[in-house]
Amino acid sequence: MTDKNEHSIANFAALKTAIVNGEKQRVEELLPKKAIQDLEKGYLLDLANVNGNKDIIKLLEAIPVNK
């Protein structure tokens, strides 16, 4: 595994934790700067919907998806 992949996995794990904890500012810091896979976006939105944090849901909905 490359350092880039390890960083991506660690970043995704931190993003999931921030979403579950309702940490909007941390979510903003960790959001990817590029498009992600539809499956990843759906998973993150599912996590956010469990907490019902509308601000985080809006942030996640704005992430572009790879086509």
Protein backbone atom coordinates (compact mmCIF):
# COMPACT_ATOMS: atom_id res chain seq x y z
CA MET A 1 0.00 0.00 0.00
CA THR A 2 1.33 3.43 -0.86
CA ASP A 3 1.56 6.40 1.47
CA LYS A 4 -1.13 8.13 -0.60
CA ASN A 5 -3.54 5.21 -0.13
CA GLU A 6 -2.82 5.05 3.59
CA HIS A 7 -3.44 8.79 3.88
CA SER A 8 -6.71 8.46 1.94
CA ILE A 9 -7.89 5.63 4.17
CA ALA A 10 -6.94 7.54 7.33
CA ASN A 11 -8.66 10.69 6.02
CA PHE A 12 -11.84 8.76 5.17
CA ALA A 13 -11.87 7.17 8.62
CA ALA A 14 -11.42 10.58 10.27
CA LEU A 15 -14.21 12.01 8.09
CA LYS A 16 -16.57 9.21 9.15
CA THR A 17 -15.76 9.82 12.80
CA ALA A 18 -16.34 13.57 12.46
CA ILE A 19 -19.70 12.96 10.77
CA VAL A 20 -20.84 10.54 13.49
CA ASN A 21 -19.71 12.98 16.20
CA GLY A 22 -21.50 15.90 14.51
CA GLU A 23 -18.29 17.95 14.15
CA LYS A 24 -19.21 20.28 11.30
CA GLN A 25 -15.96 22.25 11.25
CA ARG A 26 -13.88 19.07 11.22
CA VAL A 27 -16.03 17.65 8.41
CA GLU A 28 -15.37 20.81 6.39
CA GLU A 29 -11.63 20.39 6.92
CA LEU A 30 -11.65 16.73 5.90
CA LEU A 31 -13.97 16.91 2.90
CA PRO A 32 -12.29 15.83 -0.31
CA LYS A 33 -11.37 18.60 -2.72
CA LYS A 34 -12.32 16.44 -5.71
CA ALA A 35 -15.14 14.18 -6.80
CA ILE A 36 -15.69 10.90 -4.95
CA GLN A 37 -17.40 7.65 -5.83
CA ASP A 38 -21.19 7.57 -5.57
CA LEU A 39 -20.99 4.64 -3.13
CA GLU A 40 -18.69 6.62 -0.80
CA LYS A 41 -20.94 9.66 -0.91
CA GLY A 42 -24.02 7.56 -0.20
CA TYR A 43 -22.31 5.94 2.78
CA LEU A 44 -21.26 9.30 4.23
CA LEU A 45 -24.77 10.67 3.75
CA ASP A 46 -26.23 7.61 5.49
CA LEU A 47 -23.96 8.28 8.48
CA ALA A 48 -24.99 11.94 8.56
CA ASN A 49 -28.68 11.06 8.31
CA VAL A 50 -28.41 8.83 11.38
CA ASN A 51 -27.46 11.90 13.42
CA GLY A 52 -29.82 14.19 11.54
CA ASN A 53 -27.28 17.04 11.40
CA LYS A 54 -28.69 19.13 8.55
CA ASP A 55 -25.53 21.26 8.19
CA ILE A 56 -23.33 18.21 7.66
CA ILE A 57 -25.87 16.67 5.29
CA LYS A 58 -25.80 19.85 3.16
CA LEU A 59 -21.99 19.77 3.06
CA LEU A 60 -21.99 16.16 1.93
CA GLU A 61 -24.70 16.68 -0.65
CA ALA A 62 -22.49 19.32 -2.31
CA ILE A 63 -19.62 16.87 -2.92
CA PRO A 64 -19.33 16.09 -6.65
CA VAL A 65 -19.51 12.46 -7.75
CA ASN A 66 -17.28 10.68 -10.29
CA LYS A 67 -19.22 9.72 -13.39
